[in-house]
Protein backbone atom coordinates (compact mmCIF):
# COMPACT_ATOMS: atom_id res chain seq x y z
CA MET A 1 3.43 6.62 -9.62
CA LYS A 2 -0.22 7.62 -9.82
CA LYS A 3 -1.75 9.05 -6.66
CA ARG A 4 -5.43 9.57 -5.84
CA ALA A 5 -7.03 9.04 -9.21
CA LYS A 6 -9.35 11.95 -10.03
CA ASN A 7 -12.38 9.73 -10.59
CA ASN A 8 -11.46 7.37 -7.73
CA ASN A 9 -13.56 4.64 -9.33
CA MET A 10 -12.65 1.03 -8.94
CA LYS A 11 -11.35 -0.27 -12.22
CA LYS A 12 -12.09 -3.74 -13.51
CA ASN A 13 -8.95 -5.76 -13.97
CA ARG A 14 -8.36 -8.51 -16.46
CA MET A 15 -9.74 -11.32 -14.33
CA PRO A 16 -13.51 -11.73 -14.68
CA GLY A 17 -15.52 -10.90 -11.59
CA VAL A 18 -12.66 -9.31 -9.65
CA ASN A 19 -12.56 -5.57 -8.95
CA MET A 20 -9.56 -3.95 -7.35
CA PRO A 21 -8.47 -0.34 -7.01
CA ASP A 22 -5.70 0.89 -9.29
CA GLY A 23 -3.65 2.02 -6.30
CA TRP A 24 -3.46 1.49 -2.57
CA PHE A 25 -2.18 3.28 0.52
CA TYR A 26 -0.24 1.94 3.47
CA MET A 27 -1.01 3.97 6.60
CA SER A 28 0.43 3.87 10.09
CA ASP A 29 0.11 5.97 13.22
CA LYS A 30 3.84 5.36 13.84
CA GLU A 31 6.74 7.43 12.51
CA LEU A 32 8.31 4.97 10.07
CA THR A 33 10.54 4.98 7.00
CA ALA A 34 10.75 2.86 3.88
CA ALA A 35 13.60 1.04 5.66
CA ALA A 36 11.13 -0.13 8.33
CA VAL A 37 8.88 -1.60 5.64
CA LYS A 38 11.89 -3.30 4.08
CA GLU A 39 12.95 -4.71 7.47
CA ALA A 40 9.43 -6.04 8.02
CA LEU A 41 10.08 -8.27 5.01
CA ASP A 42 13.53 -9.49 6.08
CA ASP A 43 12.08 -12.80 7.30
CA ALA A 44 9.93 -13.29 4.18
CA GLU A 45 10.97 -14.83 0.91
CA TYR A 46 10.47 -11.78 -1.30
CA GLY A 47 13.15 -9.97 -3.20
CA VAL A 48 13.24 -6.33 -2.17
CA GLU A 49 14.91 -3.48 -4.02
CA TYR A 50 15.29 -0.39 -1.82
CA TRP A 51 16.17 3.15 -2.83
CA GLU A 52 16.82 4.97 0.46
CA GLU A 53 17.18 8.48 -0.93
CA ALA A 54 13.90 8.21 -2.85
CA GLN A 55 12.14 6.29 -0.02
CA VAL A 56 10.92 3.73 -2.56
CA LEU A 57 10.71 -0.07 -2.43
CA GLU A 58 10.05 -2.65 -5.10
CA ILE A 59 8.91 -5.95 -3.63
CA VAL A 60 9.42 -8.76 -6.13
CA LEU A 61 6.61 -11.31 -5.97
CA GLY A 62 7.57 -13.41 -8.96
CA GLU A 63 9.30 -13.35 -12.30
CA ARG A 64 6.92 -10.75 -13.74
CA SER A 65 5.20 -9.44 -10.65
CA SER A 66 6.07 -6.73 -8.16
CA MET A 67 4.59 -4.37 -5.61
CA ASP A 68 5.92 -0.80 -5.60
CA VAL A 69 5.87 1.28 -2.42
CA GLU A 70 6.57 5.03 -2.36
CA VAL A 71 6.64 7.07 0.86
CA LEU A 72 4.53 10.24 0.80
CA ALA A 73 4.01 13.14 3.15
CA PRO A 74 1.01 12.20 5.34
CA ARG A 75 -1.35 14.65 3.60
CA LEU A 76 -3.38 14.08 0.44
CA GLY A 77 -4.54 17.63 -0.22
CA GLU A 78 -8.24 16.79 -0.24
CA GLU A 79 -10.39 17.82 2.73
CA GLU A 80 -12.20 14.49 3.17
CA ALA A 81 -9.08 12.42 2.54
CA ASP A 82 -7.04 14.44 5.03
CA ALA A 83 -9.87 14.12 7.57
CA PHE A 84 -9.61 10.33 7.14
CA LEU A 85 -5.85 10.53 7.77
CA ASP A 86 -6.43 12.69 10.85
CA SER A 87 -9.11 10.36 12.24
CA HIS A 88 -6.67 7.44 11.97
CA ARG A 89 -3.76 9.52 13.31
CA VAL A 90 -1.70 8.70 10.21
CA ARG A 91 1.93 9.74 10.61
CA PHE A 92 3.38 7.49 7.88
CA LEU A 93 1.84 7.18 4.43
CA CYS A 94 2.87 5.24 1.35
CA TYR A 95 1.37 4.86 -2.09
CA VAL A 96 1.36 1.24 -3.28
CA THR A 97 0.89 -0.10 -6.79
CA PHE A 98 0.68 -3.60 -8.24
CA GLN A 99 -1.15 -5.42 -11.00
CA PRO A 100 -4.73 -6.00 -9.76
CA GLU A 101 -4.66 -9.63 -10.86
CA GLU A 102 -1.83 -10.15 -8.34
CA TYR A 103 -4.07 -9.13 -5.43
CA GLU A 104 -4.05 -12.51 -3.65
CA ASN A 105 -0.22 -12.63 -3.68
CA VAL A 106 0.04 -8.99 -2.64
CA LYS A 107 -2.53 -9.42 0.13
CA ALA A 108 -0.19 -11.91 1.82
CA VAL A 109 2.62 -9.31 1.67
CA MET A 110 0.31 -6.62 3.05
CA GLU A 111 -0.77 -8.84 5.94
CA HIS A 112 2.86 -9.74 6.67
CA ILE A 113 3.89 -6.07 6.83
CA CYS A 114 0.93 -5.18 9.06
CA GLY A 115 1.69 -8.13 11.32
CA ARG A 116 5.28 -7.02 11.75
CA ILE A 117 5.01 -3.20 12.04
CA GLY A 118 1.28 -2.46 12.35
CA GLY A 119 -0.74 -0.10 10.24
CA PHE A 120 -3.12 -1.04 7.43
CA PHE A 121 -3.49 -0.96 3.68
CA CYS A 122 -6.52 0.56 2.00
CA GLY A 123 -7.65 1.12 -1.55
CA ASP A 124 -7.21 4.47 -3.29
CA THR A 125 -10.98 4.89 -3.53
CA GLU A 126 -13.54 7.43 -2.30
CA ASP A 127 -14.08 5.50 0.93
CA PHE A 128 -10.59 3.98 1.28
CA THR A 129 -11.83 0.42 0.77
CA PRO A 130 -11.04 -2.40 0.68
CA VAL A 131 -8.90 -2.54 3.83
CA VAL A 132 -6.20 -5.11 4.58
CA GLU A 133 -4.80 -5.50 8.10
CA ALA A 134 -2.83 -8.11 9.98
CA PRO A 135 -4.79 -11.37 10.25
CA MET A 136 -6.37 -11.99 13.63
């Protein structure tokens, strides 16, 4: 999986007028595991493949669509990025990938996870935007 693209630019996807980052992060100030993310989806209607040893999940959104989640150490190795992690007290960090044109479907999954176990998702961009949290 790609992590922290060197140019950190938002890349245009195939749908006109829609810009989404290539990758995303899930961040939480709680000590979690990939199993906790999987359990947050137990009441949802998504297929989930889970590889415990690798701390990786594949969330199946449809026949040809998925969201991949890989647990990382909560450091990114860049001064500004690590300062962002520190300011949000991030103790659990995942790198998340999906096809940008699937954003609306994935956003519902992101909101569901945040609603169940907290935390937030943010784009792998210079300023960590856009941000997705649990709906109010």
